[in-house]
Amino acid sequence: MEITQLPHILAGLNGLTAIFLVAGFVFIRRKNRAAHRACMLGAVTLAGVFMIVYVTYHANSGLAKFGGVGLIRPVYFTILIAHIIGAVALVPMVPMTLFRALKGRFGQHKRLARWTWPLWLYVSASGVVVYVMAIHIYPYG
């Protein structure tokens, strides 16, 4: 596998995470706790794999450059900055939300999940958007 393939894998992991998050939400709304738990553990696992691939990629290639010009640049960087801030905020939020669920503290879990889930979904989806914009629509050079 080449380092140039990792952005595609990262986007796939983000997309799969978003799918697991949406499915987990649907399952908990339908009171299917077992399926919800499986989806959310899947999302956490994908996030862990994502972090390993992300660190590997950026340690070996640096930061990607955006090739878009004009009005699209502030649009892209607005999405990217919100994505990054959200991802940083999720670093403590996801483990805390998971810990509360695994300990059976479902009231506390639900209160935190109301913030964690939509932010995590945004970060996952915006990761795919950033990838498509930077790699496929407006590549650098």
C-alpha atoms as a PDB file:
ATOM      1  CA  MET A   1       0.000   0.000   0.000  1.00  0.00           C
ATOM      2  CA  GLU A   2       1.268   3.454  -0.879  1.00  0.00           C
ATOM      3  CA  ILE A   3       0.971   6.588   1.253  1.00  0.00           C
ATOM      4  CA  THR A   4      -1.022   8.242  -1.556  1.00  0.00           C
ATOM      5  CA  GLN A   5      -3.833   5.714  -1.004  1.00  0.00           C
ATOM      6  CA  LEU A   6      -4.364   6.665   2.638  1.00  0.00           C
ATOM      7  CA  PRO A   7      -6.598   9.724   2.006  1.00  0.00           C
ATOM      8  CA  HIS A   8      -9.041   7.418   0.201  1.00  0.00           C
ATOM      9  CA  ILE A   9      -9.003   4.997   3.133  1.00  0.00           C
ATOM     10  CA  LEU A  10      -9.505   7.866   5.590  1.00  0.00           C
ATOM     11  CA  ALA A  11     -12.533   9.089   3.641  1.00  0.00           C
ATOM     12  CA  GLY A  12     -13.933   5.565   3.583  1.00  0.00           C
ATOM     13  CA  LEU A  13     -13.478   5.237   7.340  1.00  0.00           C
ATOM     14  CA  ASN A  14     -15.228   8.592   7.846  1.00  0.00           C
ATOM     15  CA  GLY A  15     -18.095   7.557   5.602  1.00  0.00           C
ATOM     16  CA  LEU A  16     -18.501   4.198   7.346  1.00  0.00           C
ATOM     17  CA  THR A  17     -18.408   5.920  10.730  1.00  0.00           C
ATOM     18  CA  ALA A  18     -21.234   8.225   9.630  1.00  0.00           C
ATOM     19  CA  ILE A  19     -23.272   5.211   8.513  1.00  0.00           C
ATOM     20  CA  PHE A  20     -22.728   3.464  11.858  1.00  0.00           C
ATOM     21  CA  LEU A  21     -23.678   6.657  13.713  1.00  0.00           C
ATOM     22  CA  VAL A  22     -26.929   7.068  11.789  1.00  0.00           C
ATOM     23  CA  ALA A  23     -27.789   3.380  12.172  1.00  0.00           C
ATOM     24  CA  GLY A  24     -27.025   3.564  15.905  1.00  0.00           C
ATOM     25  CA  PHE A  25     -29.342   6.556  16.226  1.00  0.00           C
ATOM     26  CA  VAL A  26     -32.134   4.759  14.383  1.00  0.00           C
ATOM     27  CA  PHE A  27     -31.716   1.671  16.561  1.00  0.00           C
ATOM     28  CA  ILE A  28     -31.848   3.561  19.855  1.00  0.00           C
ATOM     29  CA  ARG A  29     -34.957   5.423  18.681  1.00  0.00           C
ATOM     30  CA  ARG A  30     -36.524   2.027  18.028  1.00  0.00           C
ATOM     31  CA  LYS A  31     -35.443   0.889  21.529  1.00  0.00           C
ATOM     32  CA  ASN A  32     -33.091  -1.730  20.071  1.00  0.00           C
ATOM     33  CA  ARG A  33     -30.247  -1.295  22.569  1.00  0.00           C
ATOM     34  CA  ALA A  34     -28.254  -4.305  21.374  1.00  0.00           C
ATOM     35  CA  ALA A  35     -28.110  -3.064  17.782  1.00  0.00           C
ATOM     36  CA  HIS A  36     -27.431   0.492  19.000  1.00  0.00           C
ATOM     37  CA  ARG A  37     -24.552  -0.747  21.122  1.00  0.00           C
ATOM     38  CA  ALA A  38     -23.103  -2.764  18.220  1.00  0.00           C
ATOM     39  CA  CYS A  39     -23.272   0.231  15.881  1.00  0.00           C
ATOM     40  CA  MET A  40     -21.735   2.622  18.372  1.00  0.00           C
ATOM     41  CA  LEU A  41     -18.933   0.190  19.239  1.00  0.00           C
ATOM     42  CA  GLY A  42     -18.389  -0.169  15.499  1.00  0.00           C
ATOM     43  CA  ALA A  43     -18.180   3.613  15.146  1.00  0.00           C
ATOM     44  CA  VAL A  44     -15.677   3.818  18.017  1.00  0.00           C
ATOM     45  CA  THR A  45     -13.587   1.044  16.455  1.00  0.00           C
ATOM     46  CA  LEU A  46     -13.614   2.790  13.083  1.00  0.00           C
ATOM     47  CA  ALA A  47     -12.586   6.034  14.802  1.00  0.00           C
ATOM     48  CA  GLY A  48      -9.651   4.244  16.409  1.00  0.00           C
ATOM     49  CA  VAL A  49      -8.535   2.808  13.075  1.00  0.00           C
ATOM     50  CA  PHE A  50      -9.020   6.243  11.526  1.00  0.00           C
ATOM     51  CA  MET A  51      -6.693   7.817  14.086  1.00  0.00           C
ATOM     52  CA  ILE A  52      -3.952   5.256  13.400  1.00  0.00           C
ATOM     53  CA  VAL A  53      -4.181   5.760   9.633  1.00  0.00           C
ATOM     54  CA  TYR A  54      -4.462   9.565  10.020  1.00  0.00           C
ATOM     55  CA  VAL A  55      -1.330   9.835  12.161  1.00  0.00           C
ATOM     56  CA  THR A  56       0.547   7.468   9.827  1.00  0.00           C
ATOM     57  CA  TYR A  57      -0.471   9.479   6.775  1.00  0.00           C
ATOM     58  CA  HIS A  58       0.331  12.917   8.177  1.00  0.00           C
ATOM     59  CA  ALA A  59       3.585  11.782   9.772  1.00  0.00           C
ATOM     60  CA  ASN A  60       4.753  10.632   6.344  1.00  0.00           C
ATOM     61  CA  SER A  61       3.241  13.178   3.982  1.00  0.00           C
ATOM     62  CA  GLY A  62       2.556  16.418   5.848  1.00  0.00           C
ATOM     63  CA  LEU A  63      -0.566  18.433   5.255  1.00  0.00           C
ATOM     64  CA  ALA A  64      -2.545  18.291   2.036  1.00  0.00           C
ATOM     65  CA  LYS A  65      -2.843  21.476   0.005  1.00  0.00           C
ATOM     66  CA  PHE A  66      -6.089  22.794  -1.397  1.00  0.00           C
ATOM     67  CA  GLY A  67      -6.038  23.797  -5.061  1.00  0.00           C
ATOM     68  CA  GLY A  68      -9.268  25.760  -5.274  1.00  0.00           C
ATOM     69  CA  VAL A  69      -9.181  29.480  -6.053  1.00  0.00           C
ATOM     70  CA  GLY A  70     -11.637  32.297  -5.567  1.00  0.00           C
ATOM     71  CA  LEU A  71     -14.802  32.053  -3.474  1.00  0.00           C
ATOM     72  CA  ILE A  72     -14.446  28.309  -2.925  1.00  0.00           C
ATOM     73  CA  ARG A  73     -11.331  28.811  -0.749  1.00  0.00           C
ATOM     74  CA  PRO A  74     -13.145  30.429   2.203  1.00  0.00           C
ATOM     75  CA  VAL A  75     -15.965  27.886   1.842  1.00  0.00           C
ATOM     76  CA  TYR A  76     -13.478  25.008   1.995  1.00  0.00           C
ATOM     77  CA  PHE A  77     -11.483  26.444   4.878  1.00  0.00           C
ATOM     78  CA  THR A  78     -14.645  27.208   6.863  1.00  0.00           C
ATOM     79  CA  ILE A  79     -15.710  23.579   6.536  1.00  0.00           C
ATOM     80  CA  LEU A  80     -12.178  22.399   7.334  1.00  0.00           C
ATOM     81  CA  ILE A  81     -11.757  24.606  10.415  1.00  0.00           C
ATOM     82  CA  ALA A  82     -15.141  23.574  11.822  1.00  0.00           C
ATOM     83  CA  HIS A  83     -14.194  19.948  11.089  1.00  0.00           C
ATOM     84  CA  ILE A  84     -10.897  20.263  12.947  1.00  0.00           C
ATOM     85  CA  ILE A  85     -12.395  22.061  15.965  1.00  0.00           C
ATOM     86  CA  GLY A  86     -15.147  19.448  16.149  1.00  0.00           C
ATOM     87  CA  ALA A  87     -12.658  16.584  15.884  1.00  0.00           C
ATOM     88  CA  VAL A  88     -10.565  18.017  18.728  1.00  0.00           C
ATOM     89  CA  ALA A  89     -13.676  18.449  20.888  1.00  0.00           C
ATOM     90  CA  LEU A  90     -14.626  14.817  20.244  1.00  0.00           C
ATOM     91  CA  VAL A  91     -11.363  13.464  21.660  1.00  0.00           C
ATOM     92  CA  PRO A  92     -12.665  13.627  25.261  1.00  0.00           C
ATOM     93  CA  MET A  93     -16.376  13.532  24.410  1.00  0.00           C
ATOM     94  CA  VAL A  94     -16.499  10.136  22.685  1.00  0.00           C
ATOM     95  CA  PRO A  95     -14.650   8.221  25.428  1.00  0.00           C
ATOM     96  CA  MET A  96     -16.729   9.921  28.135  1.00  0.00           C
ATOM     97  CA  THR A  97     -19.967   9.087  26.330  1.00  0.00           C
ATOM     98  CA  LEU A  98     -18.844   5.506  25.762  1.00  0.00           C
ATOM     99  CA  PHE A  99     -17.655   5.079  29.361  1.00  0.00           C
ATOM    100  CA  ARG A 100     -21.004   6.235  30.736  1.00  0.00           C
ATOM    101  CA  ALA A 101     -22.878   3.766  28.545  1.00  0.00           C
ATOM    102  CA  LEU A 102     -20.581   0.865  29.390  1.00  0.00           C
ATOM    103  CA  LYS A 103     -20.969   1.612  33.111  1.00  0.00           C
ATOM    104  CA  GLY A 104     -24.759   1.625  32.771  1.00  0.00           C
ATOM    105  CA  ARG A 105     -25.067   5.342  33.541  1.00  0.00           C
ATOM    106  CA  PHE A 106     -27.631   5.786  30.806  1.00  0.00           C
ATOM    107  CA  GLY A 107     -29.031   9.113  32.009  1.00  0.00           C
ATOM    108  CA  GLN A 108     -25.570  10.687  31.970  1.00  0.00           C
ATOM    109  CA  HIS A 109     -24.780   8.904  28.720  1.00  0.00           C
ATOM    110  CA  LYS A 110     -27.895  10.260  27.035  1.00  0.00           C
ATOM    111  CA  ARG A 111     -27.249  13.840  28.212  1.00  0.00           C
ATOM    112  CA  LEU A 112     -23.727  13.817  26.778  1.00  0.00           C
ATOM    113  CA  ALA A 113     -24.667  11.821  23.664  1.00  0.00           C
ATOM    114  CA  ARG A 114     -27.111  14.594  22.692  1.00  0.00           C
ATOM    115  CA  TRP A 115     -24.020  16.748  22.072  1.00  0.00           C
ATOM    116  CA  THR A 116     -21.516  14.085  21.047  1.00  0.00           C
ATOM    117  CA  TRP A 117     -23.607  12.351  18.389  1.00  0.00           C
ATOM    118  CA  PRO A 118     -24.437  15.345  16.145  1.00  0.00           C
ATOM    119  CA  LEU A 119     -20.906  16.712  16.431  1.00  0.00           C
ATOM    120  CA  TRP A 120     -19.436  13.311  15.581  1.00  0.00           C
ATOM    121  CA  LEU A 121     -21.776  12.946  12.621  1.00  0.00           C
ATOM    122  CA  TYR A 122     -20.758  16.412  11.387  1.00  0.00           C
ATOM    123  CA  VAL A 123     -17.061  15.604  11.755  1.00  0.00           C
ATOM    124  CA  SER A 124     -17.456  12.289   9.917  1.00  0.00           C
ATOM    125  CA  ALA A 125     -19.502  13.771   7.083  1.00  0.00           C
ATOM    126  CA  SER A 126     -17.399  16.923   6.755  1.00  0.00           C
ATOM    127  CA  GLY A 127     -14.289  14.735   6.598  1.00  0.00           C
ATOM    128  CA  VAL A 128     -15.707  13.156   3.461  1.00  0.00           C
ATOM    129  CA  VAL A 129     -16.618  16.596   2.064  1.00  0.00           C
ATOM    130  CA  VAL A 130     -13.101  17.939   2.720  1.00  0.00           C
ATOM    131  CA  TYR A 131     -11.623  14.857   1.041  1.00  0.00           C
ATOM    132  CA  VAL A 132     -13.823  15.173  -2.057  1.00  0.00           C
ATOM    133  CA  MET A 133     -13.104  18.890  -2.355  1.00  0.00           C
ATOM    134  CA  ALA A 134      -9.336  18.673  -1.805  1.00  0.00           C
ATOM    135  CA  ILE A 135      -8.566  15.425  -3.615  1.00  0.00           C
ATOM    136  CA  HIS A 136     -11.145  15.160  -6.398  1.00  0.00           C
ATOM    137  CA  ILE A 137     -12.686  18.537  -7.192  1.00  0.00           C
ATOM    138  CA  TYR A 138      -9.889  21.010  -6.367  1.00  0.00           C
ATOM    139  CA  PRO A 139      -6.604  19.087  -6.153  1.00  0.00           C
ATOM    140  CA  TYR A 140      -3.438  21.112  -5.648  1.00  0.00           C
ATOM    141  CA  GLY A 141      -1.161  21.502  -8.659  1.00  0.00           C
END
